[in-house]
Each structure stands twice: as C-alpha cells, then as structure tokens.
N, C-alpha and C. Protein backbone atom coordinates (compact mmCIF):
# COMPACT_ATOMS: atom_id res chain seq x y z
N UNK A 1 0.88 -1.04 0.15
CA UNK A 1 -0.36 0.10 0.20
C UNK A 1 0.86 1.17 -0.03
N UNK A 2 0.68 2.00 -1.02
CA UNK A 2 1.46 3.41 -1.08
C UNK A 2 0.84 4.07 0.38
N UNK A 3 2.00 5.24 0.34
CA UNK A 3 1.62 6.19 1.23
C UNK A 3 0.94 7.36 0.75
N UNK A 4 -0.25 7.46 1.29
CA UNK A 4 -1.33 8.70 0.41
C UNK A 4 -0.66 10.13 0.59
N UNK A 5 -0.17 10.40 1.84
CA UNK A 5 0.65 11.35 1.97
C UNK A 5 1.77 11.86 0.83
N UNK A 6 2.45 10.98 0.46
CA UNK A 6 3.74 11.20 -0.33
C UNK A 6 3.27 11.00 -1.64
N UNK A 7 1.83 10.72 -1.81
CA UNK A 7 1.58 10.73 -3.50
C UNK A 7 1.14 12.17 -3.52
N UNK A 8 0.65 13.07 -2.88
CA UNK A 8 -0.03 14.40 -3.24
C UNK A 8 0.99 15.12 -3.65
N UNK A 9 0.75 15.68 -5.01
CA UNK A 9 1.94 16.94 -5.21
C UNK A 9 1.93 18.02 -4.87
N UNK A 10 3.46 18.58 -4.45
CA UNK A 10 3.60 19.65 -3.49
C UNK A 10 3.18 21.14 -4.09
N UNK A 11 2.25 21.93 -3.48
CA UNK A 11 1.97 23.07 -4.29
C UNK A 11 2.91 24.23 -3.96
N UNK A 12 3.54 25.17 -4.38
CA UNK A 12 3.76 26.16 -4.08
C UNK A 12 3.07 27.21 -3.76
N UNK A 13 2.76 27.27 -2.21
CA UNK A 13 1.46 28.42 -2.17
C UNK A 13 1.75 29.65 -2.37
N UNK A 14 2.62 30.35 -2.34
CA UNK A 14 3.22 31.69 -2.40
C UNK A 14 2.52 32.09 -3.86
N UNK A 15 2.93 31.15 -4.89
CA UNK A 15 2.49 31.58 -6.31
C UNK A 15 1.38 31.37 -6.40
N UNK A 16 0.31 30.67 -5.72
CA UNK A 16 -1.06 30.65 -6.31
C UNK A 16 -1.64 31.11 -5.25
N UNK A 17 -1.58 31.30 -3.88
CA UNK A 17 -2.53 32.00 -2.98
C UNK A 17 -1.27 32.60 -1.99
N UNK A 18 -0.63 34.00 -3.01
CA UNK A 18 0.04 34.86 -1.97
C UNK A 18 -0.71 35.35 -0.73
N UNK A 19 0.12 35.69 0.64
CA UNK A 19 -0.39 36.56 1.49
C UNK A 19 -1.46 37.65 1.16
N UNK A 20 -0.94 38.54 0.21
CA UNK A 20 -1.93 39.73 -0.42
C UNK A 20 -3.44 39.28 -0.67
N UNK A 21 -3.45 37.67 -1.02
CA UNK A 21 -4.52 37.27 -1.58
C UNK A 21 -5.79 36.62 -0.27
N UNK A 22 -5.20 36.57 0.63
CA UNK A 22 -5.68 35.73 1.87
C UNK A 22 -6.06 36.93 3.01
N UNK A 23 -7.03 36.65 3.63
CA UNK A 23 -7.44 37.35 4.81
C UNK A 23 -8.61 36.54 5.83
N UNK A 24 -8.29 36.66 6.93
CA UNK A 24 -8.73 35.87 8.43
C UNK A 24 -9.81 36.76 8.54
N UNK A 25 -10.58 35.37 9.12
CA UNK A 25 -12.29 36.50 9.47
C UNK A 25 -12.68 35.77 10.96
N UNK A 26 -13.24 36.31 11.79
CA UNK A 26 -14.17 35.47 12.99
C UNK A 26 -14.70 34.83 12.54
N UNK A 27 -15.73 34.70 11.64
CA UNK A 27 -16.48 33.41 10.92
C UNK A 27 -17.11 33.98 9.41
N UNK A 28 -17.50 32.98 9.10
CA UNK A 28 -18.23 33.08 7.48
C UNK A 28 -19.58 33.86 8.04
N UNK A 29 -20.06 33.82 8.83
CA UNK A 29 -21.37 34.38 9.19
C UNK A 29 -21.38 35.76 9.36
N UNK A 30 -20.21 35.88 10.28
CA UNK A 30 -20.26 37.22 10.86
C UNK A 30 -19.71 38.18 9.47
N UNK A 31 -18.77 37.53 9.12
CA UNK A 31 -18.00 38.37 7.94
C UNK A 31 -18.07 38.08 6.63
N UNK A 32 -18.90 37.94 5.57
CA UNK A 32 -19.23 37.25 4.55
C UNK A 32 -17.88 37.80 3.37
N UNK A 33 -18.10 36.95 2.46
CA UNK A 33 -16.89 37.46 1.43
C UNK A 33 -17.46 37.78 0.28
N UNK A 34 -16.10 38.59 -0.26
CA UNK A 34 -16.58 39.50 -1.46
C UNK A 34 -16.98 38.38 -2.59
N UNK A 35 -17.33 38.94 -3.71
CA UNK A 35 -17.62 38.64 -4.76
C UNK A 35 -16.95 37.67 -5.42
N UNK A 36 -15.46 37.76 -5.52
CA UNK A 36 -14.39 37.15 -5.55
C UNK A 36 -13.60 36.09 -4.88
N UNK A 37 -14.39 36.15 -3.52
CA UNK A 37 -13.58 35.47 -2.70
C UNK A 37 -14.17 34.14 -2.70
N UNK A 38 -13.43 32.99 -1.67
CA UNK A 38 -13.74 32.08 -1.94
C UNK A 38 -13.18 31.44 -0.17
N UNK A 39 -14.15 30.64 0.76
CA UNK A 39 -13.88 30.26 1.95
C UNK A 39 -12.70 29.26 2.05
N UNK A 40 -11.95 29.77 3.06
CA UNK A 40 -10.95 28.77 3.50
C UNK A 40 -11.10 28.46 5.07
N UNK A 41 -10.54 27.24 5.27
CA UNK A 41 -10.73 26.66 6.70
C UNK A 41 -9.33 25.76 6.88
N UNK A 42 -9.09 26.46 8.19
CA UNK A 42 -7.40 26.02 8.48
C UNK A 42 -8.03 25.17 9.93
N UNK A 43 -7.00 24.00 10.08
CA UNK A 43 -6.83 23.37 11.57
C UNK A 43 -5.63 23.38 11.44
N UNK A 44 -5.19 23.74 12.59
CA UNK A 44 -3.62 24.20 13.08
C UNK A 44 -3.54 23.30 14.14
N UNK A 45 -2.25 22.43 14.11
CA UNK A 45 -1.91 21.61 15.72
C UNK A 45 -1.09 23.12 16.39
N UNK A 46 -0.87 22.41 17.57
CA UNK A 46 -0.31 23.24 18.57
C UNK A 46 1.44 23.75 18.21
N UNK A 47 1.88 22.30 18.07
CA UNK A 47 3.35 22.87 17.68
C UNK A 47 3.32 23.73 16.34
N UNK A 48 2.57 23.94 15.31
CA UNK A 48 2.52 24.45 14.41
C UNK A 48 2.18 26.02 14.97
N UNK A 49 1.39 26.28 15.62
CA UNK A 49 0.64 27.51 16.51
C UNK A 49 1.76 28.17 17.28
N UNK A 50 2.52 27.29 17.98
CA UNK A 50 3.63 28.14 18.42
C UNK A 50 4.64 28.49 17.66
N UNK A 51 4.89 28.76 16.29
CA UNK A 51 5.90 28.82 15.77
C UNK A 51 5.35 30.40 15.30
N UNK A 52 4.10 30.67 15.00
CA UNK A 52 3.12 31.71 14.73
C UNK A 52 3.55 33.08 15.79
N UNK A 53 3.46 34.12 15.33
CA UNK A 53 4.06 35.41 16.20
C UNK A 53 2.62 36.02 16.80
N UNK A 54 1.44 35.60 16.14
CA UNK A 54 -0.06 36.09 16.92
C UNK A 54 -0.55 35.03 17.57
N UNK A 55 -1.36 35.51 18.57
CA UNK A 55 -2.32 34.77 19.36
C UNK A 55 -3.41 33.98 18.33
N UNK A 56 -3.66 32.67 18.50
CA UNK A 56 -4.66 32.02 17.79
C UNK A 56 -5.77 31.23 18.75
N UNK A 57 -7.02 31.08 18.29
CA UNK A 57 -7.94 30.36 18.76
C UNK A 57 -7.33 29.16 19.62
N UNK A 58 -7.67 28.68 20.97
CA UNK A 58 -7.37 27.76 21.17
C UNK A 58 -7.37 26.38 20.69
N UNK A 59 -8.67 26.23 19.82
CA UNK A 59 -8.93 25.07 19.23
C UNK A 59 -8.24 25.07 17.53
N UNK A 60 -7.22 25.79 17.38
CA UNK A 60 -6.64 26.01 16.25
C UNK A 60 -7.02 26.07 14.95
N UNK A 61 -8.49 26.45 14.76
CA UNK A 61 -9.35 26.79 13.83
C UNK A 61 -9.13 28.08 13.36
N UNK A 62 -8.87 28.43 12.00
CA UNK A 62 -9.01 29.73 11.24
C UNK A 62 -9.70 29.70 10.09
N UNK A 63 -10.64 31.15 10.24
CA UNK A 63 -11.62 30.98 8.84
C UNK A 63 -10.90 31.92 7.88
N UNK A 64 -11.06 32.06 6.83
CA UNK A 64 -10.65 33.25 5.66
C UNK A 64 -10.85 33.06 4.43
N UNK A 65 -11.03 34.00 3.79
CA UNK A 65 -11.18 33.99 2.40
C UNK A 65 -9.83 34.31 1.35
N UNK A 66 -10.07 33.44 0.06
CA UNK A 66 -8.91 33.68 -0.91
C UNK A 66 -9.55 34.12 -2.04
N UNK A 67 -8.56 35.08 -2.46
CA UNK A 67 -8.81 35.79 -3.69
C UNK A 67 -7.65 35.20 -5.10
N UNK A 68 -8.33 35.16 -6.32
CA UNK A 68 -7.67 34.39 -7.06
C UNK A 68 -6.53 35.16 -7.81
N UNK A 69 -5.85 34.83 -7.96
CA UNK A 69 -4.47 35.22 -8.71
C UNK A 69 -4.52 34.98 -10.14
N UNK A 70 -3.93 35.48 -11.06
CA UNK A 70 -3.90 34.93 -12.33
C UNK A 70 -3.34 33.08 -12.64
N UNK A 71 -2.29 33.78 -11.69
CA UNK A 71 -1.52 32.24 -11.81
C UNK A 71 -2.34 30.79 -11.36
N UNK A 72 -3.05 31.58 -10.43
CA UNK A 72 -4.21 29.92 -9.73
C UNK A 72 -5.38 29.80 -10.58
N UNK A 73 -5.64 30.89 -11.44
CA UNK A 73 -6.96 30.88 -12.28
C UNK A 73 -6.61 29.65 -13.52
N UNK A 74 -4.97 30.37 -13.76
CA UNK A 74 -4.47 29.46 -14.78
C UNK A 74 -4.21 27.89 -14.19
N UNK A 75 -4.11 27.71 -13.06
CA UNK A 75 -3.72 26.39 -12.18
C UNK A 75 -5.12 25.37 -12.71
N UNK A 76 -5.94 26.37 -11.98
CA UNK A 76 -7.59 25.91 -12.25
C UNK A 76 -7.64 25.14 -13.39
N UNK A 77 -7.75 26.06 -14.46
CA UNK A 77 -7.97 25.54 -15.94
C UNK A 77 -7.32 24.28 -16.36
N UNK A 78 -6.00 24.50 -15.83
CA UNK A 78 -5.01 23.15 -16.34
C UNK A 78 -5.40 21.91 -15.60
N UNK A 79 -6.16 21.95 -14.63
CA UNK A 79 -6.78 21.19 -13.40
C UNK A 79 -7.77 20.55 -13.62
N UNK A 80 -8.63 21.44 -14.72
CA UNK A 80 -10.23 20.97 -15.40
C UNK A 80 -11.27 21.76 -14.51
N UNK A 81 -11.07 22.80 -13.88
CA UNK A 81 -11.96 23.79 -13.38
C UNK A 81 -11.89 24.95 -13.41
N UNK A 82 -12.82 26.28 -13.00
CA UNK A 82 -12.73 27.37 -12.81
C UNK A 82 -12.53 27.63 -11.35
N UNK A 83 -11.75 28.83 -11.19
CA UNK A 83 -11.82 29.39 -9.50
C UNK A 83 -12.94 29.50 -9.05
N UNK A 84 -14.07 30.12 -9.71
CA UNK A 84 -15.47 30.20 -9.33
C UNK A 84 -16.17 29.26 -9.50
N UNK A 85 -15.45 27.96 -9.64
CA UNK A 85 -16.21 26.64 -9.31
C UNK A 85 -15.77 25.87 -7.98
N UNK A 86 -14.34 26.69 -7.29
CA UNK A 86 -13.85 26.04 -5.91
C UNK A 86 -15.25 26.50 -4.72
N UNK A 87 -15.36 25.21 -4.13
CA UNK A 87 -16.27 25.77 -3.02
C UNK A 87 -15.38 26.58 -2.06
N UNK A 88 -14.60 25.56 -1.28
CA UNK A 88 -14.11 26.08 0.02
C UNK A 88 -12.26 25.34 -0.32
N UNK A 89 -11.43 26.12 0.45
CA UNK A 89 -10.46 25.58 0.65
C UNK A 89 -9.98 25.16 1.84
N UNK A 90 -9.61 23.89 2.40
CA UNK A 90 -9.28 23.20 3.19
C UNK A 90 -7.66 22.73 3.81
N UNK A 91 -7.06 23.61 4.78
CA UNK A 91 -5.93 23.20 5.03
C UNK A 91 -6.09 22.47 6.29
N UNK A 92 -5.18 21.37 6.33
CA UNK A 92 -4.93 20.50 7.24
C UNK A 92 -3.41 20.29 7.90
N UNK A 93 -3.42 20.29 9.29
CA UNK A 93 -2.25 20.56 9.53
C UNK A 93 -1.48 18.60 9.74
N UNK A 94 -0.69 18.67 8.69
CA UNK A 94 -0.25 17.26 8.75
C UNK A 94 1.33 16.88 9.75
N UNK A 95 1.56 18.02 10.65
CA UNK A 95 2.87 18.03 11.17
C UNK A 95 3.73 18.58 10.57
N UNK A 96 4.42 17.82 9.32
CA UNK A 96 5.68 18.02 8.67
C UNK A 96 5.21 18.91 7.42
N UNK A 97 4.02 19.21 7.18
CA UNK A 97 3.16 19.60 5.92
C UNK A 97 1.78 19.75 6.04
N UNK A 98 1.21 20.21 5.20
CA UNK A 98 -0.06 20.78 5.22
C UNK A 98 -1.15 19.90 4.04
N UNK A 99 -2.01 19.73 4.54
CA UNK A 99 -2.62 18.72 3.12
C UNK A 99 -3.65 20.21 2.96
N UNK A 100 -3.59 20.44 1.49
CA UNK A 100 -4.82 21.41 0.88
C UNK A 100 -5.87 20.58 0.14
N UNK A 101 -6.77 20.87 0.51
CA UNK A 101 -8.06 20.26 -0.18
C UNK A 101 -8.61 21.00 -0.69
N UNK A 102 -8.99 21.14 -2.40
CA UNK A 102 -9.63 21.91 -2.58
C UNK A 102 -10.88 21.36 -3.56
N UNK A 103 -12.08 21.95 -2.21
CA UNK A 103 -13.84 21.06 -2.57
C UNK A 103 -14.28 21.86 -3.74
N UNK A 104 -14.67 21.36 -4.72
CA UNK A 104 -15.45 21.75 -5.68
C UNK A 104 -16.98 22.00 -5.65
N UNK A 105 -17.56 22.75 -6.57
CA UNK A 105 -18.77 23.01 -6.17
C UNK A 105 -19.50 22.17 -7.43
N UNK A 106 -20.88 21.90 -6.98
CA UNK A 106 -21.52 21.15 -7.65
C UNK A 106 -21.74 21.01 -9.25
N UNK A 107 -21.76 22.47 -9.38
CA UNK A 107 -21.76 22.78 -10.81
C UNK A 107 -20.25 22.45 -11.30
N UNK A 108 -19.35 22.20 -10.94
CA UNK A 108 -18.12 21.48 -11.27
C UNK A 108 -17.97 20.23 -10.96
N UNK A 109 -19.12 19.25 -10.70
CA UNK A 109 -19.08 18.03 -11.02
C UNK A 109 -18.88 17.48 -9.24
N UNK A 110 -18.66 18.32 -8.35
CA UNK A 110 -18.31 18.06 -7.00
C UNK A 110 -16.78 17.96 -6.85
N UNK A 111 -16.41 16.95 -6.11
CA UNK A 111 -15.29 15.86 -5.75
C UNK A 111 -14.11 17.31 -5.22
N UNK A 112 -12.80 16.75 -5.12
CA UNK A 112 -12.17 17.67 -4.78
C UNK A 112 -10.79 17.34 -5.27
N UNK A 113 -9.68 18.14 -5.02
CA UNK A 113 -8.32 17.88 -5.62
C UNK A 113 -7.36 18.36 -4.48
N UNK A 114 -6.58 17.43 -3.96
CA UNK A 114 -5.40 17.58 -3.25
C UNK A 114 -4.13 17.82 -3.03
N UNK A 115 -3.53 18.64 -2.58
CA UNK A 115 -2.30 18.71 -2.59
C UNK A 115 -1.50 18.88 -1.14
N UNK A 116 -0.23 18.99 -1.04
CA UNK A 116 0.41 19.41 -0.16
C UNK A 116 1.14 20.51 0.14
N UNK A 117 1.50 21.48 1.26
CA UNK A 117 1.92 22.50 1.18
C UNK A 117 3.13 22.56 2.41
N UNK A 118 4.30 22.99 2.01
CA UNK A 118 4.93 23.31 2.96
C UNK A 118 4.78 24.06 4.27
N UNK A 119 5.07 23.45 5.36
CA UNK A 119 5.07 24.25 6.70
C UNK A 119 5.52 25.68 6.59
N UNK A 120 6.71 25.99 5.82
CA UNK A 120 7.26 27.28 5.64
C UNK A 120 6.26 28.59 5.16
N UNK A 121 5.53 27.49 3.55
CA UNK A 121 4.91 28.62 2.77
C UNK A 121 3.72 28.77 3.99
N UNK A 122 2.93 28.05 4.51
CA UNK A 122 1.90 28.04 5.46
C UNK A 122 2.20 28.89 6.49
N UNK A 123 3.23 29.01 6.94
CA UNK A 123 3.66 30.06 8.19
C UNK A 123 3.95 31.69 7.31
N UNK A 124 4.50 31.63 6.37
CA UNK A 124 4.65 33.09 5.58
C UNK A 124 3.33 33.42 5.11
N UNK A 125 2.28 32.53 4.68
CA UNK A 125 0.89 33.14 4.30
C UNK A 125 0.39 34.01 5.56
N UNK A 126 0.42 33.05 6.73
CA UNK A 126 -0.26 33.62 7.74
C UNK A 126 0.08 34.68 8.67
N UNK A 127 1.33 34.62 8.43
CA UNK A 127 2.39 35.65 9.10
C UNK A 127 1.96 37.19 8.34
N UNK A 128 2.02 37.01 6.82
CA UNK A 128 1.68 38.18 6.33
C UNK A 128 0.37 38.62 5.44
N UNK A 129 -0.62 37.87 5.78
CA UNK A 129 -1.94 38.10 5.54
C UNK A 129 -2.47 39.12 6.24
N UNK A 130 -3.50 39.43 5.76
CA UNK A 130 -4.43 40.39 6.43
C UNK A 130 -5.32 39.81 7.40
N UNK A 131 -4.94 40.19 8.62
CA UNK A 131 -5.44 39.46 9.69
C UNK A 131 -6.67 39.93 10.30
N UNK A 132 -7.41 39.35 11.05
CA UNK A 132 -8.42 40.32 11.91
C UNK A 132 -7.70 40.72 13.36
N UNK A 133 -8.46 41.90 13.76
CA UNK A 133 -7.79 42.61 14.88
C UNK A 133 -7.18 41.77 16.18
N UNK A 134 -8.13 40.70 16.26
CA UNK A 134 -7.30 39.90 17.46
C UNK A 134 -6.14 38.79 16.92
N UNK A 135 -5.62 39.29 16.05
CA UNK A 135 -4.72 38.19 15.39
C UNK A 135 -3.46 38.87 15.05
N UNK A 136 -3.85 40.41 15.24
CA UNK A 136 -2.70 41.39 14.80
C UNK A 136 -1.84 41.62 16.11
N UNK A 137 -2.20 41.59 17.21
CA UNK A 137 -1.12 41.56 18.51
C UNK A 137 -0.29 40.10 18.39
N UNK A 138 0.97 40.81 18.95
CA UNK A 138 2.08 39.68 19.06
C UNK A 138 1.51 38.55 20.43
N UNK A 139 1.74 37.46 20.36
CA UNK A 139 1.24 36.84 21.22
C UNK A 139 2.29 37.33 22.69
N UNK A 140 1.28 36.68 24.12
CA UNK A 140 2.12 37.15 24.94
C UNK A 140 2.94 35.86 25.43
N UNK A 141 3.81 36.09 25.93
CA UNK A 141 4.92 35.14 26.32
C UNK A 141 4.53 34.23 27.83
C-alpha cells in the first residue's frame, strides 16, 4: 500500500495563493466574503501554532477567504475547473506539512483536488496576510 500523503503533489503556495490574496475572519456568518472570494478553513496543531508570532484560537481553527490570482486561475483551468467553481479551501496540519484540499461546487461535478503545502509556505501566508484585529497583536509570552 502506498503512502497517500507522499502521493500528493507539493504546491508552491506563495505562487498561487500569496499573502496579499488571503485574509482571516472571525466567522463566515459575521464576515461574508466578497464576490471574488472563496472560503478557507484551516486546522492547525499546537506545534505549528507555537511558531506563529500572533495569538491563535485555542482550538487551532482559522477561517478566511482567498482571492484569485492569474496564476491560480490558470492552475485551475489546467486541472479541469475554474476558480469560480471552488467551494472551499481546506488546510489541515499534517505535522511536517499541510494537506490542501480544494472542494469543488456541484456545478463543477463536485469532488476535490488535494495537494501538500510546506509548513514554511503556510507560516509565511499566515504571518503576512490580512488578519483580523485579534490576530494582529503579538502573542503573550
């Protein structure tokens, strides 16, 4: 049996989802996305949260929105769907890297595409994105 984690292609996150195209929110209900934004849900483990310079929710769950870039729109087309057909981005902490699952809408036939993202890329995204006020202060030591 093959190791499914190793079988996921590595995605250079900054090329497709740069920090300038990602923002965090308190919740999707309190902060609806813009017309070009797609939901993102992140689940982080304690070891990764400890690396970050800002305070995180105790459960490691973050919510945000992704805006498309020309490179990511081209990536989507090359993989058989359009950015507008992405329902949600899920980022799951796998200790040494992250699993990025792109869930597609019913219009796109449903399903998902999965990739891995390095911890370094994920940390850079979160450190430099537009964060909600409660995530802007340095964490207390």
